[in-house]
Amino acid sequence: MSSVIEVSESNFRSTVVESEKPVLVDFWAEWCGPCKKLGPIVEEIAQELGDSVVVASVDVDAERTLGAMFQIMSIPSLLVFSKGSKVEELVGLRPKAEIVAKLEKYL
């Protein structure tokens, strides 16, 4: 059982890029209504799949450089990384089953 890891510019490489496991990164902001609805879903995924994936979270207001680096234009945005590369992108509020299905392709 795992929890969501807060990611910043300083630990992005070690947490996401260098991870041996697939990584789900949630780009969000405090003021974003759909982000607040997605948050508990992301937490559930972290708890259920935490042994086989890394689930990370980026506050785009606090980490503007990371948002710009991945061209985050709409939030929430979920990016899936595998072997250090971005392999999937989901924009907007998505059902848990769809997010899990994207992750499972890389397990």
N, C-alpha and C. Protein backbone atom coordinates (compact mmCIF):
# COMPACT_ATOMS: atom_id res chain seq x y z
N MET A 1 0.84 -1.18 0.00
CA MET A 1 0.00 0.00 0.00
C MET A 1 0.89 1.24 0.00
N SER A 2 0.60 2.15 -0.91
CA SER A 2 1.43 3.33 -1.07
C SER A 2 0.57 4.57 -1.08
N SER A 3 1.23 5.71 -0.99
CA SER A 3 0.49 6.96 -1.09
C SER A 3 1.09 7.78 -2.22
N VAL A 4 0.41 8.86 -2.55
CA VAL A 4 0.85 9.74 -3.62
C VAL A 4 2.07 10.52 -3.15
N ILE A 5 3.09 10.59 -4.00
CA ILE A 5 4.33 11.30 -3.70
C ILE A 5 4.26 12.69 -4.32
N GLU A 6 4.47 13.72 -3.49
CA GLU A 6 4.54 15.08 -4.01
C GLU A 6 5.86 15.24 -4.76
N VAL A 7 5.78 15.70 -6.00
CA VAL A 7 6.98 15.81 -6.82
C VAL A 7 7.24 17.29 -7.13
N SER A 8 8.52 17.64 -7.09
CA SER A 8 8.95 19.00 -7.43
C SER A 8 10.07 18.89 -8.47
N GLU A 9 10.52 20.03 -8.92
CA GLU A 9 11.61 20.03 -9.90
C GLU A 9 12.84 19.31 -9.34
N SER A 10 13.07 19.43 -8.03
CA SER A 10 14.27 18.85 -7.42
C SER A 10 14.25 17.33 -7.33
N ASN A 11 13.06 16.71 -7.21
CA ASN A 11 13.03 15.25 -7.11
C ASN A 11 12.32 14.57 -8.28
N PHE A 12 12.00 15.32 -9.33
CA PHE A 12 11.28 14.73 -10.47
C PHE A 12 12.10 13.62 -11.13
N ARG A 13 13.38 13.89 -11.39
CA ARG A 13 14.22 12.89 -12.06
C ARG A 13 14.30 11.60 -11.26
N SER A 14 14.60 11.71 -9.97
CA SER A 14 14.77 10.50 -9.15
C SER A 14 13.46 9.75 -8.95
N THR A 15 12.35 10.49 -8.84
CA THR A 15 11.06 9.84 -8.58
C THR A 15 10.41 9.29 -9.84
N VAL A 16 10.49 10.03 -10.92
CA VAL A 16 9.75 9.68 -12.13
C VAL A 16 10.65 9.08 -13.21
N VAL A 17 11.64 9.82 -13.65
CA VAL A 17 12.46 9.41 -14.78
C VAL A 17 13.28 8.16 -14.48
N GLU A 18 13.83 8.07 -13.27
CA GLU A 18 14.70 6.94 -12.93
C GLU A 18 13.96 5.78 -12.27
N SER A 19 12.64 5.85 -12.22
CA SER A 19 11.86 4.79 -11.58
C SER A 19 11.91 3.49 -12.38
N GLU A 20 12.05 2.38 -11.65
CA GLU A 20 12.00 1.06 -12.27
C GLU A 20 10.57 0.67 -12.62
N LYS A 21 9.61 1.29 -11.94
CA LYS A 21 8.19 0.98 -12.12
C LYS A 21 7.55 2.03 -13.02
N PRO A 22 6.39 1.71 -13.62
CA PRO A 22 5.64 2.74 -14.32
C PRO A 22 5.23 3.83 -13.31
N VAL A 23 5.12 5.07 -13.79
CA VAL A 23 4.78 6.19 -12.92
C VAL A 23 3.57 6.94 -13.48
N LEU A 24 2.60 7.19 -12.61
CA LEU A 24 1.46 8.03 -12.94
C LEU A 24 1.69 9.38 -12.28
N VAL A 25 1.71 10.46 -13.08
CA VAL A 25 1.92 11.79 -12.54
C VAL A 25 0.66 12.62 -12.76
N ASP A 26 0.11 13.12 -11.66
CA ASP A 26 -1.09 13.95 -11.67
C ASP A 26 -0.68 15.41 -11.60
N PHE A 27 -0.92 16.17 -12.69
CA PHE A 27 -0.68 17.61 -12.71
C PHE A 27 -1.98 18.29 -12.33
N TRP A 28 -1.98 19.09 -11.25
CA TRP A 28 -3.20 19.65 -10.70
C TRP A 28 -2.93 21.03 -10.10
N ALA A 29 -4.02 21.70 -9.66
CA ALA A 29 -3.91 22.96 -8.93
C ALA A 29 -5.01 23.03 -7.88
N GLU A 30 -4.74 23.74 -6.82
CA GLU A 30 -5.66 23.85 -5.69
C GLU A 30 -7.02 24.42 -6.09
N TRP A 31 -7.05 25.37 -7.01
CA TRP A 31 -8.27 26.07 -7.41
C TRP A 31 -9.10 25.30 -8.44
N CYS A 32 -8.61 24.16 -8.91
CA CYS A 32 -9.23 23.42 -10.02
C CYS A 32 -10.27 22.42 -9.50
N GLY A 33 -11.55 22.66 -9.81
CA GLY A 33 -12.63 21.77 -9.37
C GLY A 33 -12.47 20.33 -9.82
N PRO A 34 -12.26 20.07 -11.13
CA PRO A 34 -12.07 18.69 -11.58
C PRO A 34 -10.85 18.02 -10.93
N CYS A 35 -9.82 18.80 -10.62
CA CYS A 35 -8.63 18.26 -9.94
C CYS A 35 -9.01 17.72 -8.56
N LYS A 36 -9.87 18.46 -7.87
CA LYS A 36 -10.30 18.04 -6.53
C LYS A 36 -11.10 16.75 -6.59
N LYS A 37 -11.86 16.56 -7.67
CA LYS A 37 -12.61 15.31 -7.84
C LYS A 37 -11.69 14.15 -8.21
N LEU A 38 -10.65 14.45 -8.96
CA LEU A 38 -9.71 13.41 -9.39
C LEU A 38 -8.78 12.98 -8.26
N GLY A 39 -8.48 13.88 -7.34
CA GLY A 39 -7.54 13.58 -6.25
C GLY A 39 -7.81 12.29 -5.51
N PRO A 40 -9.06 12.06 -5.03
CA PRO A 40 -9.35 10.81 -4.33
C PRO A 40 -9.19 9.57 -5.22
N ILE A 41 -9.46 9.71 -6.51
CA ILE A 41 -9.29 8.59 -7.45
C ILE A 41 -7.80 8.25 -7.56
N VAL A 42 -6.97 9.27 -7.66
CA VAL A 42 -5.52 9.06 -7.74
C VAL A 42 -5.02 8.41 -6.45
N GLU A 43 -5.55 8.85 -5.31
CA GLU A 43 -5.18 8.24 -4.01
C GLU A 43 -5.55 6.75 -3.99
N GLU A 44 -6.74 6.42 -4.47
CA GLU A 44 -7.18 5.01 -4.51
C GLU A 44 -6.24 4.18 -5.38
N ILE A 45 -5.86 4.72 -6.53
CA ILE A 45 -4.96 4.01 -7.43
C ILE A 45 -3.62 3.77 -6.73
N ALA A 46 -3.13 4.79 -6.02
CA ALA A 46 -1.86 4.65 -5.29
C ALA A 46 -1.95 3.55 -4.25
N GLN A 47 -3.08 3.48 -3.54
CA GLN A 47 -3.24 2.47 -2.50
C GLN A 47 -3.40 1.07 -3.09
N GLU A 48 -4.12 0.97 -4.21
CA GLU A 48 -4.39 -0.35 -4.80
C GLU A 48 -3.23 -0.89 -5.62
N LEU A 49 -2.51 -0.01 -6.33
CA LEU A 49 -1.44 -0.46 -7.22
C LEU A 49 -0.06 -0.04 -6.74
N GLY A 50 0.01 0.51 -5.54
CA GLY A 50 1.23 1.11 -5.03
C GLY A 50 2.47 0.24 -5.03
N ASP A 51 2.29 -1.08 -4.98
CA ASP A 51 3.46 -1.95 -5.00
C ASP A 51 4.03 -2.12 -6.40
N SER A 52 3.20 -1.88 -7.41
CA SER A 52 3.66 -2.11 -8.79
C SER A 52 3.84 -0.83 -9.60
N VAL A 53 3.36 0.30 -9.09
CA VAL A 53 3.52 1.59 -9.77
C VAL A 53 3.89 2.67 -8.75
N VAL A 54 4.40 3.78 -9.27
CA VAL A 54 4.64 4.96 -8.46
C VAL A 54 3.57 5.97 -8.86
N VAL A 55 2.92 6.57 -7.88
CA VAL A 55 1.91 7.59 -8.16
C VAL A 55 2.43 8.91 -7.59
N ALA A 56 2.56 9.90 -8.48
CA ALA A 56 3.14 11.18 -8.10
C ALA A 56 2.17 12.32 -8.41
N SER A 57 2.41 13.45 -7.78
CA SER A 57 1.53 14.60 -7.89
C SER A 57 2.37 15.86 -8.07
N VAL A 58 1.96 16.72 -9.03
CA VAL A 58 2.66 17.98 -9.26
C VAL A 58 1.65 19.13 -9.19
N ASP A 59 1.85 20.04 -8.25
CA ASP A 59 1.04 21.25 -8.15
C ASP A 59 1.60 22.23 -9.19
N VAL A 60 0.84 22.47 -10.28
CA VAL A 60 1.36 23.29 -11.38
C VAL A 60 1.58 24.75 -10.99
N ASP A 61 0.89 25.23 -9.97
CA ASP A 61 1.13 26.60 -9.51
C ASP A 61 2.48 26.71 -8.81
N ALA A 62 2.84 25.70 -8.05
CA ALA A 62 4.11 25.70 -7.32
C ALA A 62 5.27 25.26 -8.21
N GLU A 63 4.98 24.45 -9.21
CA GLU A 63 6.03 23.86 -10.07
C GLU A 63 5.78 24.22 -11.53
N ARG A 64 5.82 25.52 -11.81
CA ARG A 64 5.53 26.00 -13.18
C ARG A 64 6.50 25.43 -14.22
N THR A 65 7.75 25.23 -13.83
CA THR A 65 8.75 24.71 -14.77
C THR A 65 8.36 23.31 -15.25
N LEU A 66 7.92 22.45 -14.34
CA LEU A 66 7.51 21.09 -14.73
C LEU A 66 6.28 21.14 -15.63
N GLY A 67 5.33 22.00 -15.30
CA GLY A 67 4.15 22.15 -16.15
C GLY A 67 4.53 22.57 -17.55
N ALA A 68 5.44 23.52 -17.65
CA ALA A 68 5.90 24.00 -18.96
C ALA A 68 6.68 22.92 -19.70
N MET A 69 7.51 22.19 -18.97
CA MET A 69 8.34 21.15 -19.58
C MET A 69 7.49 20.10 -20.30
N PHE A 70 6.34 19.78 -19.72
CA PHE A 70 5.47 18.76 -20.31
C PHE A 70 4.27 19.36 -21.03
N GLN A 71 4.35 20.67 -21.29
CA GLN A 71 3.32 21.39 -22.05
C GLN A 71 1.91 21.13 -21.51
N ILE A 72 1.78 21.25 -20.20
CA ILE A 72 0.48 21.08 -19.56
C ILE A 72 -0.35 22.33 -19.83
N MET A 73 -1.36 22.19 -20.67
CA MET A 73 -2.22 23.32 -21.04
C MET A 73 -3.56 23.27 -20.32
N SER A 74 -3.99 22.08 -19.92
CA SER A 74 -5.25 21.89 -19.21
C SER A 74 -5.00 20.99 -18.02
N ILE A 75 -5.71 21.28 -16.94
CA ILE A 75 -5.61 20.41 -15.77
C ILE A 75 -7.00 19.96 -15.36
N PRO A 76 -7.14 18.81 -14.76
CA PRO A 76 -6.04 17.89 -14.45
C PRO A 76 -5.49 17.21 -15.70
N SER A 77 -4.21 16.93 -15.67
CA SER A 77 -3.56 16.13 -16.70
C SER A 77 -2.82 15.01 -16.01
N LEU A 78 -3.02 13.81 -16.51
CA LEU A 78 -2.32 12.63 -15.99
C LEU A 78 -1.35 12.14 -17.04
N LEU A 79 -0.09 12.01 -16.67
CA LEU A 79 0.91 11.48 -17.58
C LEU A 79 1.40 10.15 -17.03
N VAL A 80 1.59 9.19 -17.92
CA VAL A 80 2.15 7.90 -17.54
C VAL A 80 3.56 7.83 -18.12
N PHE A 81 4.51 7.50 -17.25
CA PHE A 81 5.90 7.33 -17.66
C PHE A 81 6.28 5.87 -17.51
N SER A 82 7.03 5.37 -18.49
CA SER A 82 7.56 4.02 -18.41
C SER A 82 9.00 4.07 -18.90
N LYS A 83 9.90 3.52 -18.12
CA LYS A 83 11.32 3.51 -18.46
C LYS A 83 11.84 4.92 -18.75
N GLY A 84 11.34 5.90 -17.99
CA GLY A 84 11.84 7.27 -18.10
C GLY A 84 11.20 8.13 -19.17
N SER A 85 10.31 7.58 -19.97
CA SER A 85 9.69 8.35 -21.05
C SER A 85 8.18 8.45 -20.85
N LYS A 86 7.63 9.58 -21.30
CA LYS A 86 6.17 9.74 -21.25
C LYS A 86 5.56 8.86 -22.33
N VAL A 87 4.62 8.00 -21.93
CA VAL A 87 4.03 7.05 -22.87
C VAL A 87 2.52 7.23 -23.03
N GLU A 88 1.89 7.91 -22.08
CA GLU A 88 0.43 8.14 -22.14
C GLU A 88 0.12 9.50 -21.55
N GLU A 89 -0.99 10.08 -22.02
CA GLU A 89 -1.46 11.34 -21.45
C GLU A 89 -2.98 11.34 -21.43
N LEU A 90 -3.54 11.64 -20.28
CA LEU A 90 -5.00 11.75 -20.12
C LEU A 90 -5.29 13.16 -19.62
N VAL A 91 -6.14 13.89 -20.33
CA VAL A 91 -6.46 15.25 -19.93
C VAL A 91 -7.90 15.31 -19.46
N GLY A 92 -8.11 15.96 -18.33
CA GLY A 92 -9.46 16.11 -17.78
C GLY A 92 -9.78 15.01 -16.79
N LEU A 93 -10.94 15.15 -16.18
CA LEU A 93 -11.41 14.17 -15.20
C LEU A 93 -11.73 12.87 -15.93
N ARG A 94 -11.11 11.78 -15.52
CA ARG A 94 -11.30 10.48 -16.16
C ARG A 94 -11.72 9.45 -15.12
N PRO A 95 -12.48 8.44 -15.56
CA PRO A 95 -12.86 7.38 -14.61
C PRO A 95 -11.64 6.55 -14.20
N LYS A 96 -11.71 6.04 -12.98
CA LYS A 96 -10.62 5.24 -12.43
C LYS A 96 -10.25 4.08 -13.34
N ALA A 97 -11.25 3.38 -13.89
CA ALA A 97 -10.98 2.20 -14.73
C ALA A 97 -10.14 2.57 -15.96
N GLU A 98 -10.39 3.72 -16.53
CA GLU A 98 -9.63 4.16 -17.71
C GLU A 98 -8.17 4.43 -17.34
N ILE A 99 -7.96 5.08 -16.20
CA ILE A 99 -6.61 5.39 -15.74
C ILE A 99 -5.84 4.10 -15.44
N VAL A 100 -6.48 3.19 -14.73
CA VAL A 100 -5.85 1.92 -14.38
C VAL A 100 -5.51 1.12 -15.64
N ALA A 101 -6.41 1.12 -16.62
CA ALA A 101 -6.17 0.39 -17.87
C ALA A 101 -4.93 0.94 -18.58
N LYS A 102 -4.76 2.25 -18.58
CA LYS A 102 -3.56 2.85 -19.20
C LYS A 102 -2.30 2.40 -18.47
N LEU A 103 -2.34 2.40 -17.13
CA LEU A 103 -1.19 1.99 -16.34
C LEU A 103 -0.84 0.52 -16.53
N GLU A 104 -1.88 -0.33 -16.57
CA GLU A 104 -1.66 -1.78 -16.63
C GLU A 104 -0.93 -2.22 -17.90
N LYS A 105 -1.00 -1.41 -18.94
CA LYS A 105 -0.28 -1.74 -20.18
C LYS A 105 1.23 -1.79 -19.95
N TYR A 106 1.71 -1.13 -18.89
CA TYR A 106 3.15 -1.01 -18.67
C TYR A 106 3.64 -1.82 -17.48
N LEU A 107 2.76 -2.62 -16.89
CA LEU A 107 3.17 -3.45 -15.75
C LEU A 107 3.85 -4.71 -16.21
